[in-house]
């Protein structure tokens, strides 16, 4: 285990453990700006909260990094919501939107994923 891995925080997605180096969160309000002919002043319509999204930089290291990184990739590709155990936000039901994976030649034995999650919002209306 490299010294860098000792400073990371534990997390998991769908039961696949990894360490977190850094993360980010998107939040705010959904605002629609209306502009009218002949008027210099726009009208801002508040449509409620924006979707909450997380970007997590997940690192898998150690002797079994190849097997564990393949398992995380499969978990990300699985359909439907899953549980993200986040070092700050705890257990959160999320959807994995996109992910990228990279290997570092300076940190042999580490694989880093950058994963974008959104808080899961189930169906709001009955399905026919």
Protein backbone atom coordinates (compact mmCIF):
# COMPACT_ATOMS: atom_id res chain seq x y z
CA UNK A 1 0.00 0.00 0.00
CA UNK A 2 1.39 3.36 -0.95
CA UNK A 3 1.64 6.20 1.58
CA UNK A 4 -1.04 8.09 -0.35
CA UNK A 5 -3.57 5.29 0.24
CA UNK A 6 -3.09 5.57 4.01
CA UNK A 7 -4.55 9.12 3.93
CA UNK A 8 -7.74 8.23 2.06
CA UNK A 9 -11.27 7.79 3.41
CA UNK A 10 -13.17 4.50 3.00
CA UNK A 11 -16.34 4.35 0.89
CA UNK A 12 -18.28 1.84 -1.19
CA UNK A 13 -20.84 1.51 -3.97
CA UNK A 14 -23.12 -1.54 -4.11
CA UNK A 15 -20.87 -3.18 -1.54
CA UNK A 16 -17.65 -2.72 -3.55
CA UNK A 17 -15.14 -0.97 -1.28
CA UNK A 18 -12.82 1.78 -2.44
CA UNK A 19 -11.05 4.79 -0.97
CA UNK A 20 -11.90 8.41 -1.66
CA UNK A 21 -9.22 10.95 -2.46
CA UNK A 22 -11.59 13.82 -3.25
CA UNK A 23 -15.19 14.48 -4.13
CA UNK A 24 -17.51 17.28 -5.15
CA UNK A 25 -21.21 18.04 -4.83
CA UNK A 26 -23.53 19.97 -7.14
CA UNK A 27 -26.58 21.66 -5.68
CA UNK A 28 -28.70 24.80 -5.88
CA UNK A 29 -32.01 25.92 -7.37
CA UNK A 30 -33.55 25.33 -10.79
CA UNK A 31 -34.06 28.83 -12.15
CA UNK A 32 -35.68 29.61 -15.49
CA UNK A 33 -34.92 33.08 -16.84
CA UNK A 34 -37.70 34.65 -18.90
CA UNK A 35 -36.82 37.59 -21.15
CA UNK A 36 -39.42 39.68 -22.89
CA UNK A 37 -39.27 41.84 -26.04
CA UNK A 38 -38.94 45.53 -25.23
CA UNK A 39 -38.03 44.90 -21.59
CA UNK A 40 -34.56 45.18 -20.07
CA UNK A 41 -35.56 43.31 -16.90
CA UNK A 42 -35.78 39.51 -16.90
CA UNK A 43 -38.16 37.49 -14.75
CA UNK A 44 -36.62 34.60 -12.79
CA UNK A 45 -38.91 31.66 -12.08
CA UNK A 46 -37.87 29.31 -9.26
CA UNK A 47 -38.67 25.71 -10.24
CA UNK A 48 -37.49 24.12 -6.98
CA UNK A 49 -34.27 22.43 -5.97
CA UNK A 50 -31.82 21.16 -8.58
CA UNK A 51 -30.91 17.53 -8.62
CA UNK A 52 -28.16 16.76 -6.16
CA UNK A 53 -25.12 15.19 -7.75
CA UNK A 54 -21.80 13.89 -6.46
CA UNK A 55 -18.55 13.37 -8.26
CA UNK A 56 -16.34 10.91 -6.40
CA UNK A 57 -12.70 10.14 -7.12
CA UNK A 58 -12.52 6.49 -6.06
CA UNK A 59 -9.17 4.77 -5.68
CA UNK A 60 -8.65 1.03 -5.57
CA UNK A 61 -5.21 -0.18 -4.55
CA UNK A 62 -3.54 -3.22 -3.12
CA UNK A 63 -2.65 -6.69 -4.31
CA UNK A 64 -6.16 -7.43 -5.61
CA UNK A 65 -6.69 -4.09 -7.36
CA UNK A 66 -7.42 -5.68 -10.75
CA UNK A 67 -10.22 -7.89 -9.41
CA UNK A 68 -11.71 -5.12 -7.25
CA UNK A 69 -11.58 -2.51 -10.03
CA UNK A 70 -13.39 -4.93 -12.38
CA UNK A 71 -16.04 -5.45 -9.68
CA UNK A 72 -16.50 -1.70 -9.23
CA UNK A 73 -16.80 -1.22 -12.99
CA UNK A 74 -19.50 -3.93 -13.10
CA UNK A 75 -21.35 -2.27 -10.18
CA UNK A 76 -21.29 1.09 -11.98
CA UNK A 77 -22.66 -0.51 -15.18
CA UNK A 78 -25.50 -2.27 -13.31
CA UNK A 79 -28.98 -0.82 -13.99
CA UNK A 80 -31.03 0.94 -11.33
CA UNK A 81 -30.21 2.68 -8.07
CA UNK A 82 -27.57 1.51 -5.62
CA UNK A 83 -26.27 2.48 -2.22
CA UNK A 84 -23.27 4.77 -2.05
CA UNK A 85 -21.58 4.81 1.34
CA UNK A 86 -19.93 8.22 1.33
CA UNK A 87 -17.33 9.29 3.92
CA UNK A 88 -19.20 12.54 4.64
CA UNK A 89 -22.85 12.00 3.61
CA UNK A 90 -23.24 8.40 4.83
CA UNK A 91 -25.54 5.98 3.02
CA UNK A 92 -27.22 7.55 -0.01
CA UNK A 93 -29.38 5.93 -2.71
CA UNK A 94 -27.90 7.05 -6.02
CA UNK A 95 -27.81 6.40 -9.75
CA UNK A 96 -24.37 6.13 -11.36
CA UNK A 97 -24.44 8.38 -14.43
CA UNK A 98 -20.94 8.32 -15.89
CA UNK A 99 -17.54 7.08 -14.89
CA UNK A 100 -14.00 7.06 -16.17
CA UNK A 101 -11.11 4.89 -15.08
CA UNK A 102 -7.41 5.68 -15.24
CA UNK A 103 -4.20 3.94 -14.29
CA UNK A 104 -1.17 5.87 -13.10
CA UNK A 105 2.30 4.77 -14.05
CA UNK A 106 3.68 6.64 -11.03
CA UNK A 107 1.31 4.85 -8.64
CA UNK A 108 1.63 1.25 -9.81
CA UNK A 109 -1.09 -0.92 -8.29
CA UNK A 110 -3.65 1.90 -8.04
CA UNK A 111 -6.69 2.44 -10.25
CA UNK A 112 -8.65 5.69 -10.01
CA UNK A 113 -12.28 6.07 -11.03
CA UNK A 114 -14.05 9.40 -11.41
CA UNK A 115 -17.75 8.62 -10.91
CA UNK A 116 -20.70 10.96 -11.23
CA UNK A 117 -23.73 10.04 -9.12
CA UNK A 118 -27.16 11.66 -8.72
CA UNK A 119 -29.43 11.22 -5.72
CA UNK A 120 -32.03 8.64 -6.75
CA UNK A 121 -35.53 9.94 -7.31
CA UNK A 122 -38.03 7.14 -7.84
CA UNK A 123 -41.13 7.38 -10.02
CA UNK A 124 -43.40 10.27 -9.00
CA UNK A 125 -46.52 9.16 -10.85
CA UNK A 126 -48.22 5.76 -11.22
CA UNK A 127 -47.17 3.81 -14.26
CA UNK A 128 -49.92 2.45 -16.50
